[in-house]
Each structure stands twice: as C-alpha cells, then as structure tokens.
PDB file of N, CA and C in Angstrom:
ATOM      1  N   MET A   1     -18.575 -20.260 -19.720  1.00  0.00           N
ATOM      2  CA  MET A   1     -18.320 -21.729 -20.029  1.00  0.00           C
ATOM      3  C   MET A   1     -17.221 -22.269 -18.951  1.00  0.00           C
ATOM      4  N   ASN A   2     -16.117 -21.745 -18.699  1.00  0.00           N
ATOM      5  CA  ASN A   2     -15.120 -22.131 -17.898  1.00  0.00           C
ATOM      6  C   ASN A   2     -15.595 -22.129 -16.379  1.00  0.00           C
ATOM      7  N   PHE A   3     -16.302 -21.067 -16.044  1.00  0.00           N
ATOM      8  CA  PHE A   3     -16.900 -20.918 -14.645  1.00  0.00           C
ATOM      9  C   PHE A   3     -17.867 -21.979 -14.211  1.00  0.00           C
ATOM     10  N   ALA A   4     -18.743 -22.334 -15.363  1.00  0.00           N
ATOM     11  CA  ALA A   4     -19.760 -23.449 -15.195  1.00  0.00           C
ATOM     12  C   ALA A   4     -18.911 -24.688 -14.878  1.00  0.00           C
ATOM     13  N   ALA A   5     -17.838 -24.989 -15.639  1.00  0.00           N
ATOM     14  CA  ALA A   5     -17.070 -26.246 -15.603  1.00  0.00           C
ATOM     15  C   ALA A   5     -16.538 -26.300 -14.234  1.00  0.00           C
ATOM     16  N   VAL A   6     -15.890 -25.293 -13.730  1.00  0.00           N
ATOM     17  CA  VAL A   6     -15.260 -25.343 -12.368  1.00  0.00           C
ATOM     18  C   VAL A   6     -16.297 -25.541 -11.245  1.00  0.00           C
ATOM     19  N   ARG A   7     -17.418 -24.867 -11.306  1.00  0.00           N
ATOM     20  CA  ARG A   7     -18.640 -25.206 -10.430  1.00  0.00           C
ATOM     21  C   ARG A   7     -19.057 -26.679 -10.499  1.00  0.00           C
ATOM     22  N   GLU A   8     -19.170 -27.270 -11.714  1.00  0.00           N
ATOM     23  CA  GLU A   8     -19.546 -28.734 -11.854  1.00  0.00           C
ATOM     24  C   GLU A   8     -18.599 -29.704 -11.171  1.00  0.00           C
ATOM     25  N   ILE A   9     -17.245 -29.195 -11.339  1.00  0.00           N
ATOM     26  CA  ILE A   9     -16.354 -30.160 -10.588  1.00  0.00           C
ATOM     27  C   ILE A   9     -16.325 -30.004  -9.062  1.00  0.00           C
ATOM     28  N   LEU A  10     -16.531 -28.750  -8.609  1.00  0.00           N
ATOM     29  CA  LEU A  10     -16.647 -28.652  -7.122  1.00  0.00           C
ATOM     30  C   LEU A  10     -17.761 -29.341  -6.629  1.00  0.00           C
ATOM     31  N   ASP A  11     -18.802 -29.292  -7.248  1.00  0.00           N
ATOM     32  CA  ASP A  11     -20.146 -29.907  -6.874  1.00  0.00           C
ATOM     33  C   ASP A  11     -19.992 -31.308  -6.987  1.00  0.00           C
ATOM     34  N   ALA A  12     -19.317 -31.932  -7.981  1.00  0.00           N
ATOM     35  CA  ALA A  12     -19.220 -33.266  -8.056  1.00  0.00           C
ATOM     36  C   ALA A  12     -18.487 -33.980  -7.072  1.00  0.00           C
ATOM     37  N   ILE A  13     -17.356 -33.236  -6.613  1.00  0.00           N
ATOM     38  CA  ILE A  13     -16.543 -33.850  -5.428  1.00  0.00           C
ATOM     39  C   ILE A  13     -16.962 -33.106  -4.012  1.00  0.00           C
ATOM     40  N   GLU A  14     -18.024 -32.523  -4.080  1.00  0.00           N
ATOM     41  CA  GLU A  14     -18.700 -32.073  -2.722  1.00  0.00           C
ATOM     42  C   GLU A  14     -17.846 -31.071  -2.018  1.00  0.00           C
ATOM     43  N   ILE A  15     -17.156 -30.195  -2.707  1.00  0.00           N
ATOM     44  CA  ILE A  15     -16.483 -29.061  -2.144  1.00  0.00           C
ATOM     45  C   ILE A  15     -17.341 -27.811  -1.918  1.00  0.00           C
ATOM     46  N   PRO A  16     -17.595 -27.517  -0.753  1.00  0.00           N
ATOM     47  CA  PRO A  16     -18.468 -26.293  -0.483  1.00  0.00           C
ATOM     48  C   PRO A  16     -17.899 -25.038  -1.061  1.00  0.00           C
ATOM     49  N   TYR A  17     -18.451 -24.093  -1.504  1.00  0.00           N
ATOM     50  CA  TYR A  17     -18.134 -22.742  -1.932  1.00  0.00           C
ATOM     51  C   TYR A  17     -19.202 -21.793  -1.920  1.00  0.00           C
ATOM     52  N   THR A  18     -18.892 -20.614  -1.923  1.00  0.00           N
ATOM     53  CA  THR A  18     -19.801 -19.544  -1.956  1.00  0.00           C
ATOM     54  C   THR A  18     -19.270 -18.569  -3.052  1.00  0.00           C
ATOM     55  N   LEU A  19     -20.504 -18.096  -3.931  1.00  0.00           N
ATOM     56  CA  LEU A  19     -20.230 -17.331  -5.056  1.00  0.00           C
ATOM     57  C   LEU A  19     -20.246 -15.889  -4.463  1.00  0.00           C
ATOM     58  N   ASN A  20     -19.255 -15.208  -4.916  1.00  0.00           N
ATOM     59  CA  ASN A  20     -19.101 -13.819  -4.418  1.00  0.00           C
ATOM     60  C   ASN A  20     -18.704 -12.871  -5.640  1.00  0.00           C
ATOM     61  N   ASP A  21     -19.865 -12.086  -6.277  1.00  0.00           N
ATOM     62  CA  ASP A  21     -19.383 -11.385  -7.405  1.00  0.00           C
ATOM     63  C   ASP A  21     -18.859 -10.129  -7.042  1.00  0.00           C
ATOM     64  N   ARG A  22     -18.548  -9.897  -5.952  1.00  0.00           N
ATOM     65  CA  ARG A  22     -17.656  -8.639  -5.586  1.00  0.00           C
ATOM     66  C   ARG A  22     -16.163  -8.987  -5.256  1.00  0.00           C
ATOM     67  N   LEU A  23     -15.803 -10.100  -5.324  1.00  0.00           N
ATOM     68  CA  LEU A  23     -14.497 -10.650  -5.133  1.00  0.00           C
ATOM     69  C   LEU A  23     -13.514  -9.899  -6.085  1.00  0.00           C
ATOM     70  N   VAL A  24     -12.546  -9.258  -5.500  1.00  0.00           N
ATOM     71  CA  VAL A  24     -11.533  -8.454  -6.282  1.00  0.00           C
ATOM     72  C   VAL A  24     -10.068  -8.969  -5.794  1.00  0.00           C
ATOM     73  N   ARG A  25      -9.367  -9.525  -6.754  1.00  0.00           N
ATOM     74  CA  ARG A  25      -8.071  -9.822  -6.256  1.00  0.00           C
ATOM     75  C   ARG A  25      -6.961  -8.736  -6.233  1.00  0.00           C
ATOM     76  N   GLY A  26      -7.241  -7.707  -6.899  1.00  0.00           N
ATOM     77  CA  GLY A  26      -6.388  -6.711  -6.850  1.00  0.00           C
ATOM     78  C   GLY A  26      -5.198  -6.756  -7.905  1.00  0.00           C
ATOM     79  N   LEU A  27      -5.283  -7.601  -8.662  1.00  0.00           N
ATOM     80  CA  LEU A  27      -4.047  -7.991  -9.707  1.00  0.00           C
ATOM     81  C   LEU A  27      -4.819  -8.044 -11.024  1.00  0.00           C
ATOM     82  N   ASP A  28      -4.618  -7.049 -11.958  1.00  0.00           N
ATOM     83  CA  ASP A  28      -5.337  -7.211 -13.195  1.00  0.00           C
ATOM     84  C   ASP A  28      -4.849  -8.184 -14.298  1.00  0.00           C
ATOM     85  N   TYR A  29      -3.785  -9.026 -13.975  1.00  0.00           N
ATOM     86  CA  TYR A  29      -3.383 -10.069 -14.770  1.00  0.00           C
ATOM     87  C   TYR A  29      -4.226 -11.319 -14.789  1.00  0.00           C
ATOM     88  N   TYR A  30      -5.019 -11.596 -13.742  1.00  0.00           N
ATOM     89  CA  TYR A  30      -5.894 -12.575 -13.545  1.00  0.00           C
ATOM     90  C   TYR A  30      -7.069 -12.511 -14.688  1.00  0.00           C
ATOM     91  N   MET A  31      -7.309 -13.755 -15.049  1.00  0.00           N
ATOM     92  CA  MET A  31      -8.425 -13.913 -15.865  1.00  0.00           C
ATOM     93  C   MET A  31      -9.417 -15.223 -15.684  1.00  0.00           C
ATOM     94  N   ARG A  32     -10.485 -15.202 -16.181  1.00  0.00           N
ATOM     95  CA  ARG A  32     -11.346 -16.420 -15.820  1.00  0.00           C
ATOM     96  C   ARG A  32     -11.555 -16.310 -14.355  1.00  0.00           C
ATOM     97  N   THR A  33     -11.420 -17.624 -13.658  1.00  0.00           N
ATOM     98  CA  THR A  33     -11.740 -17.908 -12.397  1.00  0.00           C
ATOM     99  C   THR A  33     -10.680 -17.268 -11.391  1.00  0.00           C
ATOM    100  N   ALA A  34     -11.204 -16.536 -10.564  1.00  0.00           N
ATOM    101  CA  ALA A  34     -10.181 -15.993  -9.336  1.00  0.00           C
ATOM    102  C   ALA A  34     -10.731 -16.668  -7.859  1.00  0.00           C
ATOM    103  N   PHE A  35     -10.048 -17.009  -7.056  1.00  0.00           N
ATOM    104  CA  PHE A  35     -10.418 -17.763  -5.910  1.00  0.00           C
ATOM    105  C   PHE A  35      -9.912 -17.076  -4.631  1.00  0.00           C
ATOM    106  N   GLU A  36     -10.462 -17.475  -3.522  1.00  0.00           N
ATOM    107  CA  GLU A  36      -9.994 -17.036  -2.293  1.00  0.00           C
ATOM    108  C   GLU A  36     -10.514 -17.927  -1.182  1.00  0.00           C
ATOM    109  N   PHE A  37      -9.503 -18.225  -0.150  1.00  0.00           N
ATOM    110  CA  PHE A  37     -10.036 -19.143   0.860  1.00  0.00           C
ATOM    111  C   PHE A  37      -9.943 -18.180   2.140  1.00  0.00           C
ATOM    112  N   THR A  38     -10.981 -18.215   2.890  1.00  0.00           N
ATOM    113  CA  THR A  38     -11.297 -17.492   4.060  1.00  0.00           C
ATOM    114  C   THR A  38     -11.545 -18.319   5.476  1.00  0.00           C
ATOM    115  N   HIS A  39     -11.338 -17.647   6.469  1.00  0.00           N
ATOM    116  CA  HIS A  39     -11.655 -18.366   7.660  1.00  0.00           C
ATOM    117  C   HIS A  39     -12.588 -17.439   8.590  1.00  0.00           C
ATOM    118  N   GLY A  40     -13.590 -17.986   9.016  1.00  0.00           N
ATOM    119  CA  GLY A  40     -14.476 -17.042   9.789  1.00  0.00           C
ATOM    120  C   GLY A  40     -13.995 -16.517  11.103  1.00  0.00           C
ATOM    121  N   ALA A  41     -13.014 -17.092  11.721  1.00  0.00           N
ATOM    122  CA  ALA A  41     -12.558 -16.655  13.089  1.00  0.00           C
ATOM    123  C   ALA A  41     -11.532 -15.741  12.969  1.00  0.00           C
ATOM    124  N   LEU A  42     -11.161 -15.231  11.705  1.00  0.00           N
ATOM    125  CA  LEU A  42     -10.093 -14.216  11.585  1.00  0.00           C
ATOM    126  C   LEU A  42     -10.521 -12.644  11.534  1.00  0.00           C
ATOM    127  N   GLY A  43     -11.883 -12.615  11.704  1.00  0.00           N
ATOM    128  CA  GLY A  43     -12.237 -11.102  11.542  1.00  0.00           C
ATOM    129  C   GLY A  43     -12.354 -10.600  10.249  1.00  0.00           C
ATOM    130  N   ALA A  44     -12.167  -9.244  10.176  1.00  0.00           N
ATOM    131  CA  ALA A  44     -12.407  -8.480   8.914  1.00  0.00           C
ATOM    132  C   ALA A  44     -11.419  -8.719   7.714  1.00  0.00           C
ATOM    133  N   GLN A  45     -10.092  -9.193   8.254  1.00  0.00           N
ATOM    134  CA  GLN A  45      -9.007  -9.687   7.373  1.00  0.00           C
ATOM    135  C   GLN A  45      -8.933 -11.135   7.307  1.00  0.00           C
ATOM    136  N   ASN A  46      -9.944 -11.832   6.735  1.00  0.00           N
ATOM    137  CA  ASN A  46     -10.201 -13.195   6.969  1.00  0.00           C
ATOM    138  C   ASN A  46      -9.642 -14.016   5.851  1.00  0.00           C
ATOM    139  N   ALA A  47      -8.953 -13.424   4.799  1.00  0.00           N
ATOM    140  CA  ALA A  47      -8.413 -14.258   3.619  1.00  0.00           C
ATOM    141  C   ALA A  47      -7.279 -14.771   4.013  1.00  0.00           C
ATOM    142  N   ILE A  48      -7.101 -16.277   3.774  1.00  0.00           N
ATOM    143  CA  ILE A  48      -5.975 -17.026   4.046  1.00  0.00           C
ATOM    144  C   ILE A  48      -5.129 -17.090   2.870  1.00  0.00           C
ATOM    145  N   LEU A  49      -5.699 -17.331   1.696  1.00  0.00           N
ATOM    146  CA  LEU A  49      -4.939 -17.358   0.509  1.00  0.00           C
ATOM    147  C   LEU A  49      -5.844 -17.038  -0.630  1.00  0.00           C
ATOM    148  N   GLY A  50      -5.363 -16.621  -1.760  1.00  0.00           N
ATOM    149  CA  GLY A  50      -6.085 -16.350  -2.943  1.00  0.00           C
ATOM    150  C   GLY A  50      -5.282 -16.315  -4.127  1.00  0.00           C
ATOM    151  N   GLY A  51      -6.000 -16.618  -5.294  1.00  0.00           N
ATOM    152  CA  GLY A  51      -5.072 -16.589  -6.523  1.00  0.00           C
ATOM    153  C   GLY A  51      -6.080 -16.773  -7.724  1.00  0.00           C
ATOM    154  N   GLY A  52      -5.633 -17.103  -8.799  1.00  0.00           N
ATOM    155  CA  GLY A  52      -6.385 -17.261 -10.036  1.00  0.00           C
ATOM    156  C   GLY A  52      -5.703 -17.784 -11.192  1.00  0.00           C
ATOM    157  N   ARG A  53      -6.364 -17.697 -12.375  1.00  0.00           N
ATOM    158  CA  ARG A  53      -5.827 -18.091 -13.615  1.00  0.00           C
ATOM    159  C   ARG A  53      -5.207 -16.863 -14.268  1.00  0.00           C
ATOM    160  N   TYR A  54      -3.980 -16.939 -14.786  1.00  0.00           N
ATOM    161  CA  TYR A  54      -3.464 -15.920 -15.583  1.00  0.00           C
ATOM    162  C   TYR A  54      -2.727 -16.577 -16.759  1.00  0.00           C
ATOM    163  N   ASP A  55      -3.304 -16.226 -18.080  1.00  0.00           N
ATOM    164  CA  ASP A  55      -2.775 -16.693 -19.221  1.00  0.00           C
ATOM    165  C   ASP A  55      -1.884 -15.814 -19.946  1.00  0.00           C
ATOM    166  N   GLY A  56      -1.882 -14.534 -19.721  1.00  0.00           N
ATOM    167  CA  GLY A  56      -1.036 -13.695 -20.525  1.00  0.00           C
ATOM    168  C   GLY A  56      -0.034 -12.889 -19.748  1.00  0.00           C
ATOM    169  N   LEU A  57       0.271 -13.354 -18.462  1.00  0.00           N
ATOM    170  CA  LEU A  57       1.233 -12.813 -17.691  1.00  0.00           C
ATOM    171  C   LEU A  57       2.839 -12.924 -18.109  1.00  0.00           C
ATOM    172  N   SER A  58       3.051 -14.133 -18.609  1.00  0.00           N
ATOM    173  CA  SER A  58       4.464 -14.315 -19.114  1.00  0.00           C
ATOM    174  C   SER A  58       4.630 -13.522 -20.303  1.00  0.00           C
ATOM    175  N   GLU A  59       3.667 -13.385 -21.259  1.00  0.00           N
ATOM    176  CA  GLU A  59       4.089 -12.560 -22.435  1.00  0.00           C
ATOM    177  C   GLU A  59       3.997 -10.953 -22.036  1.00  0.00           C
ATOM    178  N   ALA A  60       3.158 -10.571 -20.951  1.00  0.00           N
ATOM    179  CA  ALA A  60       3.183  -9.135 -20.454  1.00  0.00           C
ATOM    180  C   ALA A  60       4.635  -8.797 -20.002  1.00  0.00           C
ATOM    181  N   LEU A  61       5.413  -9.906 -19.485  1.00  0.00           N
ATOM    182  CA  LEU A  61       6.680  -9.689 -18.882  1.00  0.00           C
ATOM    183  C   LEU A  61       7.711  -9.864 -19.893  1.00  0.00           C
ATOM    184  N   GLY A  62       7.447 -10.249 -21.326  1.00  0.00           N
ATOM    185  CA  GLY A  62       8.416 -10.400 -22.228  1.00  0.00           C
ATOM    186  C   GLY A  62       8.871 -11.823 -22.347  1.00  0.00           C
ATOM    187  N   GLY A  63       8.129 -12.814 -21.800  1.00  0.00           N
ATOM    188  CA  GLY A  63       8.423 -14.112 -21.796  1.00  0.00           C
ATOM    189  C   GLY A  63       7.587 -14.796 -22.846  1.00  0.00           C
ATOM    190  N   PRO A  64       7.786 -16.334 -22.891  1.00  0.00           N
ATOM    191  CA  PRO A  64       6.915 -17.000 -24.013  1.00  0.00           C
ATOM    192  C   PRO A  64       5.522 -17.190 -23.441  1.00  0.00           C
ATOM    193  N   HIS A  65       4.582 -17.600 -24.301  1.00  0.00           N
ATOM    194  CA  HIS A  65       3.218 -17.946 -24.086  1.00  0.00           C
ATOM    195  C   HIS A  65       3.434 -19.212 -22.907  1.00  0.00           C
ATOM    196  N   ALA A  66       2.678 -18.883 -21.782  1.00  0.00           N
ATOM    197  CA  ALA A  66       2.874 -19.890 -20.547  1.00  0.00           C
ATOM    198  C   ALA A  66       1.896 -19.713 -19.670  1.00  0.00           C
ATOM    199  N   PRO A  67       0.522 -20.321 -20.129  1.00  0.00           N
ATOM    200  CA  PRO A  67      -0.603 -20.207 -19.304  1.00  0.00           C
ATOM    201  C   PRO A  67      -0.474 -20.718 -18.038  1.00  0.00           C
ATOM    202  N   GLY A  68      -1.061 -20.187 -16.922  1.00  0.00           N
ATOM    203  CA  GLY A  68      -0.816 -20.850 -15.587  1.00  0.00           C
ATOM    204  C   GLY A  68      -1.878 -20.465 -14.678  1.00  0.00           C
ATOM    205  N   ILE A  69      -1.592 -20.757 -13.374  1.00  0.00           N
ATOM    206  CA  ILE A  69      -2.507 -20.529 -12.297  1.00  0.00           C
ATOM    207  C   ILE A  69      -1.653 -20.187 -11.123  1.00  0.00           C
ATOM    208  N   GLY A  70      -1.874 -19.215 -10.135  1.00  0.00           N
ATOM    209  CA  GLY A  70      -1.103 -18.900  -9.134  1.00  0.00           C
ATOM    210  C   GLY A  70      -1.799 -18.489  -7.928  1.00  0.00           C
ATOM    211  N   PHE A  71      -1.176 -18.529  -6.758  1.00  0.00           N
ATOM    212  CA  PHE A  71      -1.880 -18.097  -5.611  1.00  0.00           C
ATOM    213  C   PHE A  71      -0.686 -17.668  -4.611  1.00  0.00           C
ATOM    214  N   ALA A  72      -1.193 -16.823  -3.582  1.00  0.00           N
ATOM    215  CA  ALA A  72      -0.324 -16.494  -2.463  1.00  0.00           C
ATOM    216  C   ALA A  72      -1.097 -16.701  -1.238  1.00  0.00           C
ATOM    217  N   ILE A  73      -0.185 -17.108  -0.302  1.00  0.00           N
ATOM    218  CA  ILE A  73      -0.596 -17.322   1.077  1.00  0.00           C
ATOM    219  C   ILE A  73      -0.208 -16.393   1.999  1.00  0.00           C
ATOM    220  N   GLY A  74      -1.156 -15.981   2.849  1.00  0.00           N
ATOM    221  CA  GLY A  74      -0.771 -15.148   4.017  1.00  0.00           C
ATOM    222  C   GLY A  74      -0.393 -16.042   5.188  1.00  0.00           C
ATOM    223  N   GLU A  75       0.757 -16.353   5.446  1.00  0.00           N
ATOM    224  CA  GLU A  75       1.286 -17.293   6.315  1.00  0.00           C
ATOM    225  C   GLU A  75       0.931 -16.946   7.690  1.00  0.00           C
ATOM    226  N   ASP A  76       0.932 -15.587   8.055  1.00  0.00           N
ATOM    227  CA  ASP A  76       0.475 -15.182   9.340  1.00  0.00           C
ATOM    228  C   ASP A  76      -1.046 -15.587   9.731  1.00  0.00           C
ATOM    229  N   ARG A  77      -1.830 -15.363   8.649  1.00  0.00           N
ATOM    230  CA  ARG A  77      -3.298 -15.686   8.863  1.00  0.00           C
ATOM    231  C   ARG A  77      -3.426 -17.230   8.781  1.00  0.00           C
ATOM    232  N   LEU A  78      -2.663 -17.965   7.944  1.00  0.00           N
ATOM    233  CA  LEU A  78      -2.741 -19.419   7.894  1.00  0.00           C
ATOM    234  C   LEU A  78      -2.486 -19.908   9.423  1.00  0.00           C
ATOM    235  N   VAL A  79      -1.356 -19.476  10.046  1.00  0.00           N
ATOM    236  CA  VAL A  79      -0.983 -19.862  11.254  1.00  0.00           C
ATOM    237  C   VAL A  79      -2.115 -19.485  12.300  1.00  0.00           C
ATOM    238  N   MET A  80      -2.639 -18.398  12.356  1.00  0.00           N
ATOM    239  CA  MET A  80      -3.652 -17.952  13.259  1.00  0.00           C
ATOM    240  C   MET A  80      -4.863 -18.839  13.028  1.00  0.00           C
ATOM    241  N   SER A  81      -5.205 -19.425  11.847  1.00  0.00           N
ATOM    242  CA  SER A  81      -6.343 -20.247  11.747  1.00  0.00           C
ATOM    243  C   SER A  81      -6.173 -21.719  12.143  1.00  0.00           C
ATOM    244  N   LEU A  82      -4.977 -22.036  12.345  1.00  0.00           N
ATOM    245  CA  LEU A  82      -4.688 -23.371  12.746  1.00  0.00           C
ATOM    246  C   LEU A  82      -5.384 -23.733  14.024  1.00  0.00           C
ATOM    247  N   PRO A  83      -5.147 -23.224  15.132  1.00  0.00           N
ATOM    248  CA  PRO A  83      -5.800 -23.757  16.401  1.00  0.00           C
ATOM    249  C   PRO A  83      -7.297 -24.022  16.384  1.00  0.00           C
ATOM    250  N   GLN A  84      -8.023 -23.048  15.674  1.00  0.00           N
ATOM    251  CA  GLN A  84      -9.357 -23.167  15.622  1.00  0.00           C
ATOM    252  C   GLN A  84      -9.558 -24.500  14.810  1.00  0.00           C
ATOM    253  N   SER A  85      -8.996 -24.738  13.539  1.00  0.00           N
ATOM    254  CA  SER A  85      -9.263 -25.747  12.569  1.00  0.00           C
ATOM    255  C   SER A  85      -8.659 -27.068  13.119  1.00  0.00           C
ATOM    256  N   ALA A  86      -7.418 -27.097  13.568  1.00  0.00           N
ATOM    257  CA  ALA A  86      -6.851 -28.282  13.933  1.00  0.00           C
ATOM    258  C   ALA A  86      -7.654 -29.146  15.073  1.00  0.00           C
ATOM    259  N   GLU A  87      -8.372 -28.424  15.903  1.00  0.00           N
ATOM    260  CA  GLU A  87      -8.998 -29.043  17.023  1.00  0.00           C
ATOM    261  C   GLU A  87     -10.162 -29.810  16.485  1.00  0.00           C
ATOM    262  N   SER A  88     -10.826 -29.187  15.478  1.00  0.00           N
ATOM    263  CA  SER A  88     -12.079 -29.886  15.013  1.00  0.00           C
ATOM    264  C   SER A  88     -11.517 -31.008  13.935  1.00  0.00           C
ATOM    265  N   ALA A  89     -10.285 -31.015  13.279  1.00  0.00           N
ATOM    266  CA  ALA A  89      -9.976 -31.753  12.424  1.00  0.00           C
ATOM    267  C   ALA A  89      -9.226 -33.294  13.018  1.00  0.00           C
ATOM    268  N   ILE A  90      -8.707 -33.012  14.114  1.00  0.00           N
ATOM    269  CA  ILE A  90      -7.989 -33.781  14.882  1.00  0.00           C
ATOM    270  C   ILE A  90      -9.023 -34.933  15.753  1.00  0.00           C
ATOM    271  N   ARG A  91      -8.991 -36.167  15.411  1.00  0.00           N
ATOM    272  CA  ARG A  91      -9.816 -37.026  16.299  1.00  0.00           C
ATOM    273  C   ARG A  91      -9.009 -37.623  17.220  1.00  0.00           C
ATOM    274  N   LYS A  92      -9.190 -37.536  18.478  1.00  0.00           N
ATOM    275  CA  LYS A  92      -8.372 -38.111  19.562  1.00  0.00           C
ATOM    276  C   LYS A  92      -8.667 -39.574  19.662  1.00  0.00           C
ATOM    277  N   PRO A  93      -7.522 -40.357  19.756  1.00  0.00           N
ATOM    278  CA  PRO A  93      -7.840 -41.781  19.760  1.00  0.00           C
ATOM    279  C   PRO A  93      -8.691 -42.258  21.107  1.00  0.00           C
ATOM    280  N   ASP A  94      -9.347 -43.426  20.820  1.00  0.00           N
ATOM    281  CA  ASP A  94     -10.129 -43.939  21.990  1.00  0.00           C
ATOM    282  C   ASP A  94      -9.181 -44.794  22.820  1.00  0.00           C
ATOM    283  N   VAL A  95      -8.113 -45.329  22.154  1.00  0.00           N
ATOM    284  CA  VAL A  95      -7.225 -46.302  22.983  1.00  0.00           C
ATOM    285  C   VAL A  95      -5.958 -46.038  22.325  1.00  0.00           C
ATOM    286  N   TYR A  96      -4.914 -45.975  23.269  1.00  0.00           N
ATOM    287  CA  TYR A  96      -3.555 -46.081  22.913  1.00  0.00           C
ATOM    288  C   TYR A  96      -2.863 -47.251  23.258  1.00  0.00           C
ATOM    289  N   ILE A  97      -2.176 -48.009  22.496  1.00  0.00           N
ATOM    290  CA  ILE A  97      -1.260 -49.174  23.010  1.00  0.00           C
ATOM    291  C   ILE A  97       0.157 -48.926  22.759  1.00  0.00           C
ATOM    292  N   ALA A  98       0.882 -48.792  23.862  1.00  0.00           N
ATOM    293  CA  ALA A  98       2.299 -48.491  23.873  1.00  0.00           C
ATOM    294  C   ALA A  98       3.012 -49.886  23.944  1.00  0.00           C
ATOM    295  N   PRO A  99       3.773 -50.259  22.912  1.00  0.00           N
ATOM    296  CA  PRO A  99       4.429 -51.538  23.032  1.00  0.00           C
ATOM    297  C   PRO A  99       5.580 -51.422  24.177  1.00  0.00           C
ATOM    298  N   LEU A 100       5.943 -52.328  25.036  1.00  0.00           N
ATOM    299  CA  LEU A 100       7.046 -52.304  25.803  1.00  0.00           C
ATOM    300  C   LEU A 100       8.003 -53.341  25.628  1.00  0.00           C
ATOM    301  N   ALA A 101       9.322 -53.258  25.491  1.00  0.00           N
ATOM    302  CA  ALA A 101      10.199 -54.320  25.265  1.00  0.00           C
ATOM    303  C   ALA A 101      11.526 -53.907  25.952  1.00  0.00           C
ATOM    304  N   ARG A 102      12.306 -55.096  26.368  1.00  0.00           N
ATOM    305  CA  ARG A 102      13.408 -54.856  27.121  1.00  0.00           C
ATOM    306  C   ARG A 102      14.654 -54.833  26.027  1.00  0.00           C
ATOM    307  N   ALA A 103      15.616 -53.957  26.240  1.00  0.00           N
ATOM    308  CA  ALA A 103      16.741 -53.902  25.342  1.00  0.00           C
ATOM    309  C   ALA A 103      17.698 -54.891  25.561  1.00  0.00           C
TER     310      ALA A 103
END
C-alpha cells in the first residue's frame, strides 16, 4: 500500500524513477520504501545518496517512539557529479546588460 502511494505521488509530479527489486541499503533498520539517487557518469560506484524510512530505530536505541526518514550523501560523489550536471542545468544568457554609473 505505501509503495503504491509513493509511486502515485512520483508519477503525479512527473519525477522519473526506476524500480530496482535488488536495491539493498545495507542497514537492517530501514522499513517500507528505500531509495537511492545515482549518476550515470560515475561508473560502478554511482550512488550519490541513499536512505529510507525507519520507524523502529529510536526504540531499538532505547529512545521514544519516533518514526522518521533518513539519508546519507556521499559528498565526494556529489561533487564529482556536478560538472556533468551543472552544464546541462545552467542556461547561458542570450544578453547581459551591465549598468554603468558614475560615483
């Protein structure tokens, strides 16, 4: 049910995604939906960030009931992905007007 609701939201706002039934986050406290953002130009280690839902983590650590969501970013991979992504995202201006004034 939750997975279908997440997919409906992504579809409604036209965010592209790929289903991967072999995705493993490596942390057993995640439950329900896990996610990972990848960049095709980074080779075999292409994950930039990943995370998921964890409702029982606080209790497992002796804390109160505190459902949540978390993620981790590989800063080095994020930085490596920027040159390729920034060029396609930045539209160069057709005209630039520089105001000149006397002090």
